[in-house]
Structure formats: C-alpha cells, structure tokens
Amino acid sequence: MWKGFDTLFAPYAKKNATYAVEGTVVEAGEVFVGRVFWKNALLASEERMWMHQMTVLLVLENEDWRVRLIHVTPVRTT
C-alpha cells in the first residue's frame, strides 16, 4: 500500500495536503490495518480541518489488496 500511497489517495488529498504514516496496527496474512496522519486535507464535507487521522483496512482478495474500510477522525487541538 505504501508504495502506491500517493496514487491511491490522490482524490482525497487535494493540493497542499501532507501526510505521515503513523504506523501499522495489524499486518497478518490477508488483513492489513494502518494509520495515516493528515495535515491540511479536505474532508468529504469540503470543510478544511487542519489535522485528522485516517485508519485504513485492506484485505487480500485474489492476490490483490482491496480497501474495505476507511475511517477519518478530525484531530482538534485546544
């Protein structure tokens, strides 16, 4: 996933967005869960949030990785 990350998430991360891979939560055989920290990216509502975290669930099907779930949580700083 990380090799093609820019291509996979190009529609999500419009210009001026940056990301950092926070880590792998699960990497076991046919299942992969990872976390990505985003800065300056647009949410689906087109509301600009300065920071948020994305959790991605991938499942191996017929020798290809498929995205099964993406969860985005805004990170609010006080």
N, C-alpha and C. Protein backbone atom coordinates (compact mmCIF):
# COMPACT_ATOMS: atom_id res chain seq x y z
N MET A 1 0.82 -1.20 0.00
CA MET A 1 0.00 0.00 0.00
C MET A 1 0.86 1.25 0.00
N TRP A 2 1.92 1.25 0.80
CA TRP A 2 2.69 2.49 0.96
C TRP A 2 3.41 2.86 -0.33
N LYS A 3 3.77 1.88 -1.16
CA LYS A 3 4.45 2.20 -2.42
C LYS A 3 3.56 3.02 -3.35
N GLY A 4 2.26 2.74 -3.38
CA GLY A 4 1.34 3.46 -4.26
C GLY A 4 0.44 4.43 -3.51
N PHE A 5 0.88 4.87 -2.34
CA PHE A 5 0.04 5.70 -1.49
C PHE A 5 -0.41 6.98 -2.18
N ASP A 6 0.51 7.68 -2.82
CA ASP A 6 0.16 8.95 -3.48
C ASP A 6 -0.91 8.76 -4.54
N THR A 7 -0.82 7.69 -5.30
CA THR A 7 -1.80 7.41 -6.34
C THR A 7 -3.14 7.00 -5.74
N LEU A 8 -3.10 6.13 -4.73
CA LEU A 8 -4.31 5.63 -4.10
C LEU A 8 -5.15 6.74 -3.49
N PHE A 9 -4.50 7.69 -2.84
CA PHE A 9 -5.23 8.74 -2.12
C PHE A 9 -5.21 10.09 -2.83
N ALA A 10 -4.84 10.14 -4.09
CA ALA A 10 -4.80 11.41 -4.84
C ALA A 10 -6.14 12.14 -4.82
N PRO A 11 -7.28 11.47 -5.02
CA PRO A 11 -8.56 12.20 -4.98
C PRO A 11 -8.87 12.76 -3.58
N TYR A 12 -8.38 12.10 -2.55
CA TYR A 12 -8.66 12.51 -1.18
C TYR A 12 -7.80 13.71 -0.78
N ALA A 13 -6.54 13.63 -1.09
CA ALA A 13 -5.60 14.65 -0.66
C ALA A 13 -5.37 15.66 -1.77
N LYS A 14 -6.17 16.68 -1.75
CA LYS A 14 -6.01 17.72 -2.76
C LYS A 14 -4.74 18.51 -2.49
N LYS A 15 -4.44 19.48 -3.31
CA LYS A 15 -3.16 20.18 -3.17
C LYS A 15 -2.97 20.79 -1.78
N ASN A 16 -1.72 20.90 -1.41
CA ASN A 16 -1.26 21.45 -0.14
C ASN A 16 -1.48 20.51 1.05
N ALA A 17 -1.97 19.30 0.82
CA ALA A 17 -2.12 18.34 1.92
C ALA A 17 -0.83 17.57 2.09
N THR A 18 -0.52 17.25 3.33
CA THR A 18 0.64 16.41 3.62
C THR A 18 0.19 15.27 4.52
N TYR A 19 0.95 14.19 4.50
CA TYR A 19 0.60 13.04 5.33
C TYR A 19 1.85 12.41 5.92
N ALA A 20 1.65 11.68 6.99
CA ALA A 20 2.72 10.89 7.60
C ALA A 20 2.11 9.57 8.02
N VAL A 21 2.74 8.49 7.63
CA VAL A 21 2.27 7.17 8.04
C VAL A 21 2.61 7.00 9.51
N GLU A 22 1.58 6.87 10.34
CA GLU A 22 1.79 6.75 11.79
C GLU A 22 2.25 5.36 12.18
N GLY A 23 1.73 4.36 11.47
CA GLY A 23 2.15 3.00 11.81
C GLY A 23 1.17 1.96 11.34
N THR A 24 1.56 0.74 11.55
CA THR A 24 0.74 -0.41 11.21
C THR A 24 0.09 -0.93 12.48
N VAL A 25 -1.22 -1.08 12.45
CA VAL A 25 -1.95 -1.60 13.60
C VAL A 25 -2.00 -3.12 13.53
N VAL A 26 -2.33 -3.66 12.35
CA VAL A 26 -2.40 -5.10 12.13
C VAL A 26 -1.78 -5.40 10.78
N GLU A 27 -0.92 -6.40 10.75
CA GLU A 27 -0.38 -6.89 9.49
C GLU A 27 -0.25 -8.39 9.63
N ALA A 28 -1.34 -9.10 9.27
CA ALA A 28 -1.40 -10.54 9.50
C ALA A 28 -2.00 -11.23 8.28
N GLY A 29 -1.17 -11.80 7.46
CA GLY A 29 -1.65 -12.58 6.32
C GLY A 29 -2.44 -11.78 5.32
N GLU A 30 -3.75 -11.94 5.35
CA GLU A 30 -4.63 -11.33 4.36
C GLU A 30 -5.31 -10.06 4.84
N VAL A 31 -4.90 -9.54 5.99
CA VAL A 31 -5.51 -8.33 6.56
C VAL A 31 -4.41 -7.34 6.93
N PHE A 32 -4.66 -6.07 6.62
CA PHE A 32 -3.72 -5.01 6.96
C PHE A 32 -4.52 -3.80 7.46
N VAL A 33 -4.13 -3.25 8.59
CA VAL A 33 -4.74 -2.03 9.12
C VAL A 33 -3.60 -1.06 9.43
N GLY A 34 -3.70 0.13 8.85
CA GLY A 34 -2.67 1.14 9.08
C GLY A 34 -3.30 2.48 9.41
N ARG A 35 -2.48 3.37 10.00
CA ARG A 35 -2.94 4.71 10.36
C ARG A 35 -2.10 5.75 9.66
N VAL A 36 -2.78 6.80 9.19
CA VAL A 36 -2.12 7.90 8.50
C VAL A 36 -2.57 9.20 9.14
N PHE A 37 -1.62 10.08 9.40
CA PHE A 37 -1.92 11.39 9.97
C PHE A 37 -1.86 12.42 8.85
N TRP A 38 -2.94 13.16 8.65
CA TRP A 38 -3.05 14.14 7.56
C TRP A 38 -3.02 15.56 8.11
N LYS A 39 -2.42 16.46 7.36
CA LYS A 39 -2.45 17.90 7.67
C LYS A 39 -2.96 18.64 6.45
N ASN A 40 -3.89 19.54 6.66
CA ASN A 40 -4.38 20.44 5.64
C ASN A 40 -5.10 19.72 4.48
N ALA A 41 -5.87 18.69 4.79
CA ALA A 41 -6.62 17.97 3.76
C ALA A 41 -8.10 18.27 3.91
N LEU A 42 -8.85 18.11 2.83
CA LEU A 42 -10.29 18.37 2.86
C LEU A 42 -11.05 17.11 3.26
N LEU A 43 -12.04 17.28 4.10
CA LEU A 43 -12.94 16.18 4.42
C LEU A 43 -14.01 16.11 3.35
N ALA A 44 -14.83 15.07 3.38
CA ALA A 44 -15.89 14.91 2.36
C ALA A 44 -16.82 16.10 2.32
N SER A 45 -16.99 16.77 3.44
CA SER A 45 -17.88 17.93 3.50
C SER A 45 -17.23 19.18 2.90
N GLU A 46 -15.98 19.03 2.43
CA GLU A 46 -15.19 20.14 1.91
C GLU A 46 -14.81 21.13 3.01
N GLU A 47 -15.01 20.72 4.25
CA GLU A 47 -14.59 21.55 5.38
C GLU A 47 -13.11 21.30 5.62
N ARG A 48 -12.33 22.35 5.68
CA ARG A 48 -10.90 22.18 5.88
C ARG A 48 -10.62 21.99 7.37
N MET A 49 -10.03 20.85 7.67
CA MET A 49 -9.60 20.57 9.04
C MET A 49 -8.08 20.58 9.01
N TRP A 50 -7.48 21.23 9.96
CA TRP A 50 -6.04 21.32 9.95
C TRP A 50 -5.38 19.95 10.08
N MET A 51 -5.90 19.09 10.95
CA MET A 51 -5.31 17.77 11.15
C MET A 51 -6.40 16.72 11.33
N HIS A 52 -6.15 15.54 10.83
CA HIS A 52 -7.01 14.41 11.13
C HIS A 52 -6.27 13.10 10.89
N GLN A 53 -6.82 12.04 11.46
CA GLN A 53 -6.21 10.72 11.38
C GLN A 53 -7.10 9.81 10.54
N MET A 54 -6.47 9.03 9.67
CA MET A 54 -7.20 8.09 8.82
C MET A 54 -6.75 6.68 9.18
N THR A 55 -7.71 5.80 9.39
CA THR A 55 -7.41 4.39 9.59
C THR A 55 -7.91 3.65 8.35
N VAL A 56 -7.06 2.79 7.79
CA VAL A 56 -7.36 2.10 6.55
C VAL A 56 -7.31 0.60 6.78
N LEU A 57 -8.36 -0.12 6.35
CA LEU A 57 -8.42 -1.57 6.42
C LEU A 57 -8.31 -2.12 5.01
N LEU A 58 -7.30 -2.95 4.76
CA LEU A 58 -7.10 -3.61 3.47
C LEU A 58 -7.24 -5.12 3.64
N VAL A 59 -7.82 -5.78 2.64
CA VAL A 59 -7.99 -7.23 2.67
C VAL A 59 -7.44 -7.79 1.35
N LEU A 60 -6.68 -8.87 1.44
CA LEU A 60 -6.12 -9.51 0.25
C LEU A 60 -7.17 -10.43 -0.37
N GLU A 61 -7.53 -10.14 -1.63
CA GLU A 61 -8.51 -10.94 -2.36
C GLU A 61 -7.94 -11.28 -3.73
N ASN A 62 -7.83 -12.55 -4.04
CA ASN A 62 -7.32 -12.98 -5.35
C ASN A 62 -5.99 -12.31 -5.70
N GLU A 63 -5.09 -12.27 -4.73
CA GLU A 63 -3.74 -11.72 -4.89
C GLU A 63 -3.69 -10.21 -5.09
N ASP A 64 -4.80 -9.50 -4.86
CA ASP A 64 -4.85 -8.04 -4.94
C ASP A 64 -5.36 -7.48 -3.61
N TRP A 65 -4.76 -6.38 -3.16
CA TRP A 65 -5.23 -5.71 -1.95
C TRP A 65 -6.41 -4.82 -2.28
N ARG A 66 -7.47 -4.94 -1.50
CA ARG A 66 -8.70 -4.14 -1.68
C ARG A 66 -8.95 -3.32 -0.42
N VAL A 67 -9.30 -2.06 -0.62
CA VAL A 67 -9.67 -1.20 0.51
C VAL A 67 -11.08 -1.60 0.94
N ARG A 68 -11.24 -1.98 2.18
CA ARG A 68 -12.55 -2.38 2.71
C ARG A 68 -13.15 -1.33 3.63
N LEU A 69 -12.31 -0.53 4.26
CA LEU A 69 -12.84 0.47 5.19
C LEU A 69 -11.82 1.59 5.34
N ILE A 70 -12.32 2.82 5.32
CA ILE A 70 -11.50 3.99 5.64
C ILE A 70 -12.29 4.80 6.66
N HIS A 71 -11.65 5.10 7.77
CA HIS A 71 -12.30 5.88 8.82
C HIS A 71 -11.44 7.13 9.07
N VAL A 72 -12.09 8.28 9.05
CA VAL A 72 -11.37 9.55 9.28
C VAL A 72 -11.90 10.21 10.55
N THR A 73 -10.97 10.60 11.40
CA THR A 73 -11.31 11.27 12.65
C THR A 73 -10.60 12.62 12.72
N PRO A 74 -11.36 13.72 12.83
CA PRO A 74 -10.72 15.03 12.98
C PRO A 74 -9.91 15.09 14.28
N VAL A 75 -8.79 15.74 14.24
CA VAL A 75 -7.95 15.95 15.41
C VAL A 75 -8.04 17.42 15.77
N ARG A 76 -8.65 17.69 16.88
CA ARG A 76 -8.83 19.08 17.31
C ARG A 76 -7.78 19.41 18.37
N THR A 77 -7.12 20.51 18.19
CA THR A 77 -6.16 20.98 19.17
C THR A 77 -6.80 22.10 19.98
N THR A 78 -6.44 22.16 21.22
CA THR A 78 -7.03 23.21 22.07
C THR A 78 -6.02 24.24 22.42
